[in-house]
N, C-alpha and C. Protein backbone atom coordinates (compact mmCIF):
# COMPACT_ATOMS: atom_id res chain seq x y z
N MET A 1 197.66 108.14 63.91
CA MET A 1 197.77 108.62 65.27
C MET A 1 196.42 109.19 65.70
N VAL A 2 196.06 108.91 66.93
CA VAL A 2 194.84 109.44 67.53
C VAL A 2 195.23 110.21 68.78
N VAL A 3 194.74 111.43 68.90
CA VAL A 3 195.01 112.25 70.07
C VAL A 3 193.72 112.41 70.84
N VAL A 4 193.73 112.02 72.11
CA VAL A 4 192.56 112.14 72.98
C VAL A 4 192.89 113.18 74.03
N GLY A 5 192.13 114.28 74.01
CA GLY A 5 192.39 115.37 74.96
C GLY A 5 191.12 116.10 75.29
N GLN A 6 191.29 117.33 75.78
CA GLN A 6 190.14 118.16 76.15
C GLN A 6 189.31 118.51 74.93
N LEU A 7 188.04 118.82 75.16
CA LEU A 7 187.17 119.22 74.08
C LEU A 7 187.67 120.53 73.48
N SER A 8 187.53 120.65 72.19
CA SER A 8 187.95 121.86 71.50
C SER A 8 186.85 122.90 71.60
N GLU A 9 187.25 124.15 71.63
CA GLU A 9 186.26 125.23 71.66
C GLU A 9 185.70 125.48 70.27
N LEU A 10 186.44 125.11 69.24
CA LEU A 10 186.01 125.32 67.87
C LEU A 10 185.71 123.98 67.21
N ALA A 11 184.83 124.01 66.25
CA ALA A 11 184.52 122.79 65.50
C ALA A 11 185.69 122.46 64.60
N GLU A 12 186.20 121.26 64.74
CA GLU A 12 187.33 120.81 63.94
C GLU A 12 186.87 119.64 63.08
N PRO A 13 187.30 119.59 61.82
CA PRO A 13 186.93 118.43 61.01
C PRO A 13 187.63 117.18 61.55
N HIS A 14 186.97 116.07 61.49
CA HIS A 14 187.49 114.77 61.95
C HIS A 14 187.74 114.75 63.45
N SER A 15 187.01 115.56 64.19
CA SER A 15 187.11 115.55 65.65
C SER A 15 185.78 115.07 66.21
N TYR A 16 185.84 114.33 67.28
CA TYR A 16 184.63 113.78 67.88
C TYR A 16 184.70 113.98 69.39
N ASP A 17 183.55 114.24 69.99
CA ASP A 17 183.46 114.44 71.43
C ASP A 17 183.18 113.11 72.11
N LEU A 18 183.92 112.82 73.17
CA LEU A 18 183.72 111.61 73.95
C LEU A 18 183.50 112.00 75.41
N CYS A 19 182.68 111.23 76.11
CA CYS A 19 182.54 111.45 77.55
C CYS A 19 183.83 110.95 78.22
N ALA A 20 184.01 111.28 79.48
CA ALA A 20 185.24 110.92 80.19
C ALA A 20 185.46 109.42 80.22
N MET A 21 184.41 108.64 80.46
CA MET A 21 184.55 107.19 80.54
C MET A 21 185.04 106.61 79.21
N HIS A 22 184.43 107.05 78.09
CA HIS A 22 184.82 106.52 76.79
C HIS A 22 186.19 107.06 76.35
N ALA A 23 186.53 108.26 76.75
CA ALA A 23 187.85 108.80 76.42
C ALA A 23 188.95 107.99 77.11
N GLU A 24 188.71 107.56 78.35
CA GLU A 24 189.71 106.76 79.07
C GLU A 24 189.83 105.36 78.49
N ARG A 25 188.72 104.80 78.00
CA ARG A 25 188.71 103.42 77.49
C ARG A 25 189.00 103.33 75.99
N PHE A 26 189.22 104.46 75.36
CA PHE A 26 189.37 104.50 73.91
C PHE A 26 190.56 103.66 73.45
N THR A 27 190.35 102.86 72.42
CA THR A 27 191.44 102.11 71.78
C THR A 27 191.37 102.40 70.29
N ALA A 28 192.51 102.33 69.64
CA ALA A 28 192.59 102.59 68.20
C ALA A 28 192.89 101.29 67.47
N PRO A 29 192.70 101.27 66.18
CA PRO A 29 193.03 100.07 65.42
C PRO A 29 194.52 99.71 65.53
N ARG A 30 194.82 98.46 65.25
CA ARG A 30 196.20 97.99 65.30
C ARG A 30 197.08 98.83 64.40
N GLY A 31 198.24 99.18 64.91
CA GLY A 31 199.19 99.97 64.14
C GLY A 31 199.05 101.47 64.36
N TRP A 32 197.97 101.90 65.01
CA TRP A 32 197.77 103.32 65.28
C TRP A 32 198.37 103.65 66.64
N ASP A 33 198.85 104.87 66.80
CA ASP A 33 199.34 105.36 68.09
C ASP A 33 198.23 106.16 68.74
N VAL A 34 198.05 105.97 70.05
CA VAL A 34 197.06 106.74 70.82
C VAL A 34 197.82 107.62 71.80
N VAL A 35 197.57 108.91 71.73
CA VAL A 35 198.20 109.87 72.64
C VAL A 35 197.10 110.45 73.51
N HIS A 36 197.18 110.24 74.82
CA HIS A 36 196.23 110.82 75.77
C HIS A 36 196.85 112.08 76.36
N ILE A 37 196.19 113.21 76.16
CA ILE A 37 196.64 114.47 76.75
C ILE A 37 195.75 114.74 77.95
N HIS A 38 196.33 114.65 79.13
CA HIS A 38 195.56 114.90 80.35
C HIS A 38 195.83 116.33 80.79
N GLN A 39 194.80 117.13 80.72
CA GLN A 39 194.89 118.52 81.15
C GLN A 39 193.89 118.73 82.26
N GLU A 40 194.20 119.65 83.11
CA GLU A 40 193.27 119.95 84.19
C GLU A 40 192.10 120.75 83.63
N PHE A 41 190.91 120.31 83.94
CA PHE A 41 189.71 120.97 83.43
C PHE A 41 189.44 122.23 84.24
N VAL A 42 189.25 123.32 83.54
CA VAL A 42 188.92 124.60 84.18
C VAL A 42 187.53 124.99 83.72
N ASP A 43 186.58 125.01 84.66
CA ASP A 43 185.21 125.38 84.32
C ASP A 43 185.12 126.89 84.26
N SER A 44 184.88 127.40 83.05
CA SER A 44 184.80 128.85 82.88
C SER A 44 183.41 129.38 83.17
N GLY A 45 182.47 128.49 83.45
CA GLY A 45 181.10 128.93 83.74
C GLY A 45 180.35 129.22 82.47
N PRO A 46 179.08 129.57 82.60
CA PRO A 46 178.29 129.83 81.40
C PRO A 46 178.73 131.12 80.71
N SER A 47 178.68 131.11 79.40
CA SER A 47 179.02 132.30 78.64
C SER A 47 177.79 133.19 78.53
N PRO A 48 177.96 134.44 78.12
CA PRO A 48 176.79 135.30 77.92
C PRO A 48 175.81 134.71 76.90
N ASP A 49 176.33 134.01 75.89
CA ASP A 49 175.44 133.38 74.91
C ASP A 49 174.62 132.26 75.55
N ASP A 50 175.23 131.50 76.46
CA ASP A 50 174.50 130.43 77.15
C ASP A 50 173.38 131.02 78.00
N LEU A 51 173.68 132.08 78.71
CA LEU A 51 172.67 132.71 79.57
C LEU A 51 171.55 133.32 78.75
N ASP A 52 171.90 133.92 77.61
CA ASP A 52 170.88 134.50 76.74
C ASP A 52 169.97 133.41 76.18
N ALA A 53 170.54 132.30 75.74
CA ALA A 53 169.74 131.20 75.21
C ALA A 53 168.82 130.63 76.29
N LEU A 54 169.32 130.51 77.50
CA LEU A 54 168.50 130.01 78.60
C LEU A 54 167.35 130.96 78.90
N ALA A 55 167.63 132.27 78.94
CA ALA A 55 166.58 133.26 79.22
C ALA A 55 165.51 133.23 78.13
N ARG A 56 165.93 133.10 76.88
CA ARG A 56 164.95 133.04 75.78
C ARG A 56 164.09 131.78 75.88
N ALA A 57 164.68 130.65 76.25
CA ALA A 57 163.93 129.40 76.36
C ALA A 57 162.91 129.49 77.49
N VAL A 58 163.31 130.07 78.62
CA VAL A 58 162.39 130.22 79.76
C VAL A 58 161.27 131.17 79.39
N ARG A 59 161.61 132.27 78.72
CA ARG A 59 160.60 133.24 78.32
C ARG A 59 159.59 132.60 77.36
N GLU A 60 160.08 131.82 76.41
CA GLU A 60 159.20 131.17 75.44
C GLU A 60 158.30 130.14 76.13
N ALA A 61 158.84 129.39 77.07
CA ALA A 61 158.05 128.37 77.77
C ALA A 61 157.01 129.01 78.68
N GLY A 62 157.25 130.22 79.14
CA GLY A 62 156.32 130.88 80.04
C GLY A 62 155.20 131.60 79.36
N ARG A 63 155.27 131.73 78.06
CA ARG A 63 154.21 132.43 77.34
C ARG A 63 152.93 131.60 77.35
N LEU A 64 151.81 132.28 77.50
CA LEU A 64 150.53 131.60 77.46
C LEU A 64 150.16 131.29 76.02
N ALA A 65 149.65 130.13 75.81
CA ALA A 65 149.19 129.77 74.48
C ALA A 65 147.80 130.35 74.28
N LEU A 66 147.71 131.39 73.46
CA LEU A 66 146.43 132.03 73.20
C LEU A 66 145.72 131.30 72.07
N PRO A 67 144.42 131.07 72.22
CA PRO A 67 143.71 130.39 71.14
C PRO A 67 143.67 131.29 69.91
N GLU A 68 143.80 130.67 68.75
CA GLU A 68 143.74 131.42 67.51
C GLU A 68 142.31 131.83 67.25
N PRO A 69 142.12 133.06 66.77
CA PRO A 69 140.74 133.49 66.50
C PRO A 69 140.16 132.66 65.37
N SER A 70 138.93 132.24 65.56
CA SER A 70 138.29 131.41 64.53
C SER A 70 137.66 132.31 63.48
N ALA A 71 137.63 131.83 62.26
CA ALA A 71 137.03 132.58 61.16
C ALA A 71 135.52 132.58 61.34
N PRO A 72 134.87 133.69 60.98
CA PRO A 72 133.40 133.70 61.11
C PRO A 72 132.80 132.65 60.19
N SER A 73 131.81 131.96 60.70
CA SER A 73 131.21 130.88 59.91
C SER A 73 130.27 131.48 58.86
N ALA A 74 130.25 130.87 57.70
CA ALA A 74 129.39 131.33 56.61
C ALA A 74 127.96 130.85 56.88
N PRO A 75 126.97 131.64 56.49
CA PRO A 75 125.58 131.20 56.71
C PRO A 75 125.30 129.96 55.88
N MET A 76 124.50 129.07 56.43
CA MET A 76 124.14 127.84 55.75
C MET A 76 123.18 128.16 54.61
N PRO A 77 123.46 127.65 53.40
CA PRO A 77 122.56 127.93 52.28
C PRO A 77 121.25 127.15 52.45
N THR A 78 120.18 127.72 51.94
CA THR A 78 118.88 127.04 52.04
C THR A 78 118.75 126.02 50.93
N GLU A 79 119.43 126.20 49.82
CA GLU A 79 119.39 125.25 48.72
C GLU A 79 120.73 124.53 48.67
N PRO A 80 120.74 123.32 48.12
CA PRO A 80 122.02 122.65 47.94
C PRO A 80 122.91 123.46 47.00
N ARG A 81 124.15 123.48 47.30
CA ARG A 81 125.10 124.25 46.49
C ARG A 81 125.32 123.53 45.16
N ARG A 82 125.31 124.29 44.11
CA ARG A 82 125.54 123.72 42.79
C ARG A 82 126.97 124.06 42.37
N GLY A 83 127.78 123.05 42.34
CA GLY A 83 129.16 123.26 41.95
C GLY A 83 129.38 122.81 40.52
N HIS A 84 130.59 122.61 40.16
CA HIS A 84 130.91 122.20 38.80
C HIS A 84 130.84 120.68 38.62
N LEU A 85 130.59 119.93 39.69
CA LEU A 85 130.46 118.49 39.60
C LEU A 85 128.99 118.09 39.71
N ARG A 86 128.64 117.05 39.02
CA ARG A 86 127.27 116.56 39.12
C ARG A 86 127.26 115.06 38.93
N VAL A 87 126.19 114.43 39.35
CA VAL A 87 126.04 112.98 39.24
C VAL A 87 125.44 112.67 37.88
N VAL A 88 126.06 111.76 37.15
CA VAL A 88 125.56 111.34 35.85
C VAL A 88 125.12 109.90 36.00
N THR A 89 123.85 109.62 35.69
CA THR A 89 123.36 108.26 35.78
C THR A 89 123.63 107.52 34.49
N SER A 90 123.92 106.27 34.65
CA SER A 90 124.18 105.47 33.44
C SER A 90 122.89 104.80 33.01
N GLU A 91 122.62 104.84 31.76
CA GLU A 91 121.42 104.21 31.25
C GLU A 91 121.81 102.89 30.63
N ALA A 92 121.25 101.82 31.17
CA ALA A 92 121.61 100.50 30.67
C ALA A 92 120.72 100.00 29.59
């Protein structure tokens, strides 16, 4: 059995969200029953969590991107730096 109705407020296992067009056109495999529950949609408006998330996103997008301070450059050595690697010539 497949039940097609309003979106759930809570996450349910084995539940999937469909847009109105796909919910109306939904068909199930042969042998399955499809039950369409038509309820009147009541728009409750944005929740406080929705408004808070929107305000945070706008605030974050409005922040100026400040350049990161660059590290002071080291003085250039007058001699080549001697590290632990060196060139070894092959004698033929």
